[in-house]
Amino acid sequence: MADDLTELQRRRALTEDAARAAAVESRHAGGRRTARENLEAIVDAGSLVEYGRYAIAAQRSRRDLQELIERTPADGLIAGTARINGDIFGDAAACAVLAYDYMVLAGTQGAHGHRKKDRLFELIERLRLPTVFFAEGGGGRPGDTDYPVVSALDVRAFALWAGLSGLVPRIAIVNGRCFAGNAVIAGCSDLIVATKHVSIGLGGPA
């Protein structure tokens, strides 16, 4: 049991920004915050209940497991339930928050990340949770070889996200590059908050 707890603590530490000092420094040098910093800036302290924190990219067939644990924490998507301005709104402050992590494979959408979104979107519908989504990232990730797909029609996230229209407020926040699937998430939101440095596109220039 002690060994298992030690390993759990080690894995948790690897999901924190402190484990990726060089990547964090690069983000800050570009005038941007990390995904975790973005969430910490808006949610009430200690209120985030994260889903799938220990997920990794679906690339075990071509990359070392330890490398994936160290380099693809949360499969590049931090997501969960939280509270925003609970001191003002009380119980009505409950919400859902999601943030693609650009420090993980350019914020691309991975197979396990899609499943996290599916689960959380269903919870959002059931509990009627207002949602904030930091959508920066590069769209679908072609390198997830553990689940070979052609058209990825089994990905339910986009239909589930669209189905929330009219049920809950959906706010997308973008600072940086936001393309393909990430841009679909942003574009289907009720409100997009974007900085002057943002680039949003459904397809690449080629």
Protein backbone atom coordinates (compact mmCIF):
# COMPACT_ATOMS: atom_id res chain seq x y z
CA MET A 1 0.00 0.00 0.00
CA ALA A 2 2.82 2.40 0.88
CA ASP A 3 4.46 1.79 -2.49
CA ASP A 4 1.18 2.43 -4.30
CA LEU A 5 0.67 5.69 -2.41
CA THR A 6 4.22 6.78 -3.22
CA GLU A 7 3.63 6.07 -6.90
CA LEU A 8 0.33 7.97 -6.83
CA GLN A 9 2.07 10.98 -5.28
CA ARG A 10 4.80 10.77 -7.92
CA ARG A 11 2.25 10.63 -10.72
CA ARG A 12 0.32 13.56 -9.29
CA ALA A 13 3.49 15.65 -9.05
CA LEU A 14 4.17 14.99 -12.73
CA THR A 15 0.82 16.58 -13.66
CA GLU A 16 1.75 19.88 -11.99
CA ASP A 17 3.37 22.81 -13.78
CA ALA A 18 6.37 22.51 -11.48
CA ALA A 19 7.32 19.27 -13.25
CA ARG A 20 7.69 21.12 -16.59
CA ALA A 21 9.74 24.17 -15.70
CA ALA A 22 11.16 24.74 -19.20
CA ALA A 23 7.74 24.58 -20.86
CA VAL A 24 6.27 26.92 -18.26
CA GLU A 25 9.11 29.38 -18.79
CA SER A 26 8.46 29.32 -22.53
CA ARG A 27 4.76 30.06 -21.97
CA HIS A 28 5.52 32.95 -19.68
CA ALA A 29 8.13 34.32 -22.08
CA GLY A 30 5.40 34.52 -24.72
CA GLY A 31 3.11 36.41 -22.37
CA ARG A 32 0.80 33.46 -21.76
CA ARG A 33 -0.23 31.51 -18.70
CA THR A 34 -0.35 27.75 -18.43
CA ALA A 35 -3.65 25.88 -18.56
CA ARG A 36 -3.59 25.28 -14.81
CA GLU A 37 -2.80 28.93 -14.15
CA ASN A 38 -5.76 29.95 -16.32
CA LEU A 39 -8.11 27.75 -14.33
CA GLU A 40 -6.66 28.84 -10.99
CA ALA A 41 -7.31 32.45 -12.00
CA ILE A 42 -11.07 31.97 -12.34
CA VAL A 43 -12.17 29.17 -9.99
CA ASP A 44 -12.58 29.41 -6.24
CA ALA A 45 -9.51 28.11 -4.43
CA GLY A 46 -9.71 24.40 -3.69
CA SER A 47 -12.99 23.91 -5.57
CA LEU A 48 -11.72 22.11 -8.68
CA VAL A 49 -12.58 18.42 -8.81
CA GLU A 50 -10.53 17.20 -11.75
CA TYR A 51 -11.55 14.35 -14.04
CA GLY A 52 -8.98 12.06 -15.64
CA ARG A 53 -5.91 13.73 -14.18
CA TYR A 54 -3.80 10.62 -14.72
CA ALA A 55 -4.76 10.01 -18.34
CA ILE A 56 -1.95 10.00 -20.89
CA ALA A 57 -1.78 10.13 -24.68
CA ALA A 58 -2.97 6.98 -26.44
CA GLN A 59 0.44 6.27 -27.91
CA ARG A 60 1.73 3.28 -25.95
CA SER A 61 2.24 1.31 -29.14
CA ARG A 62 4.95 3.71 -30.29
CA ARG A 63 6.27 5.55 -27.23
CA ASP A 64 7.66 4.53 -23.86
CA LEU A 65 5.10 4.53 -21.04
CA GLN A 66 7.24 6.60 -18.70
CA GLU A 67 7.80 9.17 -21.43
CA LEU A 68 4.04 9.46 -21.92
CA ILE A 69 3.48 9.87 -18.19
CA GLU A 70 6.05 12.65 -18.02
CA ARG A 71 5.22 14.46 -21.27
CA THR A 72 1.46 14.03 -21.76
CA PRO A 73 -0.18 14.64 -18.36
CA ALA A 74 -3.98 14.54 -18.36
CA ASP A 75 -3.75 13.80 -22.11
CA GLY A 76 -3.48 17.54 -22.61
CA LEU A 77 -6.94 18.38 -21.24
CA ILE A 78 -7.57 19.62 -17.70
CA ALA A 79 -11.27 19.25 -16.94
CA GLY A 80 -13.61 19.03 -14.01
CA THR A 81 -16.23 20.69 -11.87
CA ALA A 82 -15.58 23.77 -9.76
CA ARG A 83 -17.09 26.93 -8.33
CA ILE A 84 -16.70 30.51 -9.56
CA ASN A 85 -17.50 33.47 -7.29
CA GLY A 86 -19.04 31.27 -4.64
CA ASP A 87 -18.92 34.15 -2.17
CA ILE A 88 -21.41 35.99 -4.39
CA PHE A 89 -23.57 33.27 -5.91
CA GLY A 90 -23.55 30.52 -3.29
CA ASP A 91 -24.81 27.18 -4.64
CA ALA A 92 -25.38 28.78 -8.05
CA ALA A 93 -21.60 29.13 -8.42
CA ALA A 94 -21.23 25.46 -9.41
CA CYS A 95 -19.82 25.09 -12.92
CA ALA A 96 -17.66 23.02 -15.22
CA VAL A 97 -14.25 24.12 -16.48
CA LEU A 98 -12.00 22.73 -19.20
CA ALA A 99 -8.64 23.83 -20.56
CA TYR A 100 -6.51 22.38 -23.31
CA ASP A 101 -2.87 22.32 -22.23
CA TYR A 102 -0.72 23.78 -25.01
CA MET A 103 2.38 22.42 -23.26
CA VAL A 104 1.15 18.92 -24.10
CA LEU A 105 1.46 18.21 -27.82
CA ALA A 106 0.35 21.75 -28.74
CA GLY A 107 -3.01 21.41 -27.02
CA THR A 108 -4.20 18.82 -29.52
CA GLN A 109 -7.26 16.68 -28.90
CA GLY A 110 -6.37 13.15 -27.83
CA ALA A 111 -8.44 9.98 -27.65
CA HIS A 112 -8.57 9.91 -23.87
CA GLY A 113 -9.23 13.64 -23.72
CA HIS A 114 -12.26 13.15 -25.96
CA ARG A 115 -13.60 10.53 -23.54
CA LYS A 116 -13.11 12.92 -20.65
CA LYS A 117 -15.08 15.56 -22.52
CA ASP A 118 -17.84 13.05 -23.28
CA ARG A 119 -18.21 12.19 -19.60
CA LEU A 120 -18.08 15.78 -18.42
CA PHE A 121 -20.48 17.05 -21.10
CA GLU A 122 -23.02 14.44 -19.99
CA LEU A 123 -22.60 15.62 -16.41
CA ILE A 124 -23.00 19.24 -17.50
CA GLU A 125 -26.30 18.38 -19.17
CA ARG A 126 -27.59 16.45 -16.18
CA LEU A 127 -26.63 19.06 -13.58
CA ARG A 128 -27.14 22.11 -15.84
CA LEU A 129 -23.65 23.45 -15.13
CA PRO A 130 -22.47 26.68 -16.76
CA THR A 131 -19.21 25.94 -18.55
CA VAL A 132 -15.96 27.77 -19.24
CA PHE A 133 -13.62 26.25 -21.85
CA PHE A 134 -10.07 27.47 -22.59
CA ALA A 135 -9.85 26.26 -26.19
CA GLU A 136 -6.29 27.05 -27.33
CA GLY A 137 -4.79 24.17 -29.32
CA GLY A 138 -4.11 22.49 -32.61
CA GLY A 139 -7.14 20.27 -33.22
CA GLY A 140 -7.26 16.52 -33.67
CA ARG A 141 -4.11 14.59 -32.83
CA PRO A 142 -3.07 12.14 -35.57
CA GLY A 143 -0.40 10.44 -33.45
CA ASP A 144 -2.72 8.55 -31.11
CA THR A 145 -2.04 5.13 -32.58
CA ASP A 146 -3.50 3.01 -29.78
CA TYR A 147 -7.00 3.56 -31.22
CA PRO A 148 -6.71 3.36 -35.01
CA VAL A 149 -9.56 5.27 -36.64
CA VAL A 150 -10.41 6.56 -40.09
CA SER A 151 -13.20 9.08 -39.55
CA ALA A 152 -13.45 9.06 -35.71
CA LEU A 153 -17.23 8.93 -35.92
CA ASP A 154 -17.27 7.41 -32.43
CA VAL A 155 -16.16 10.74 -30.96
CA ARG A 156 -19.31 12.09 -29.30
CA ALA A 157 -17.85 15.27 -27.83
CA PHE A 158 -18.86 17.65 -30.61
CA ALA A 159 -22.48 16.49 -30.75
CA LEU A 160 -22.71 16.56 -26.95
CA TRP A 161 -21.25 20.08 -26.85
CA ALA A 162 -23.69 21.32 -29.50
CA GLY A 163 -26.54 19.66 -27.61
CA LEU A 164 -25.85 21.87 -24.61
CA SER A 165 -26.98 24.91 -26.60
CA GLY A 166 -29.88 26.57 -24.82
CA LEU A 167 -29.41 24.42 -21.72
CA VAL A 168 -26.38 26.06 -20.09
CA PRO A 169 -24.16 29.08 -20.78
CA ARG A 170 -20.99 28.00 -22.62
CA ILE A 171 -18.06 30.42 -22.64
CA ALA A 172 -14.91 29.79 -24.68
CA ILE A 173 -11.69 31.66 -23.97
CA VAL A 174 -8.89 31.75 -26.54
CA ASN A 175 -5.43 33.29 -26.37
CA GLY A 176 -3.03 31.99 -29.01
CA ARG A 177 -3.64 29.41 -31.73
CA CYS A 178 -6.98 27.64 -31.95
CA PHE A 179 -7.56 25.38 -34.95
CA ALA A 180 -9.70 22.51 -36.24
CA GLY A 181 -11.50 20.64 -33.45
CA ASN A 182 -10.48 23.20 -30.85
CA ALA A 183 -11.98 25.92 -33.04
CA VAL A 184 -15.19 23.90 -33.36
CA ILE A 185 -15.50 23.92 -29.58
CA ALA A 186 -14.92 27.67 -29.51
CA GLY A 187 -17.22 28.34 -32.46
CA CYS A 188 -20.12 26.40 -30.96
CA SER A 189 -19.93 28.30 -27.69
CA ASP A 190 -22.39 31.00 -26.72
CA LEU A 191 -19.63 33.53 -26.12
CA ILE A 192 -16.01 33.66 -27.28
CA VAL A 193 -13.56 35.76 -25.30
CA ALA A 194 -10.47 36.23 -27.49
CA THR A 195 -7.36 38.37 -27.20
CA LYS A 196 -5.89 40.44 -30.01
CA HIS A 197 -3.13 37.84 -30.37
CA VAL A 198 -5.47 34.98 -31.22
CA SER A 199 -5.64 32.95 -34.44
CA ILE A 200 -8.79 30.86 -34.95
CA GLY A 201 -9.39 28.64 -37.96
CA LEU A 202 -11.34 25.49 -38.78
CA GLY A 203 -8.69 24.33 -41.24
CA GLY A 204 -5.03 24.85 -41.98
CA PRO A 205 -3.73 27.08 -44.77
CA ALA A 206 -2.61 24.22 -47.03
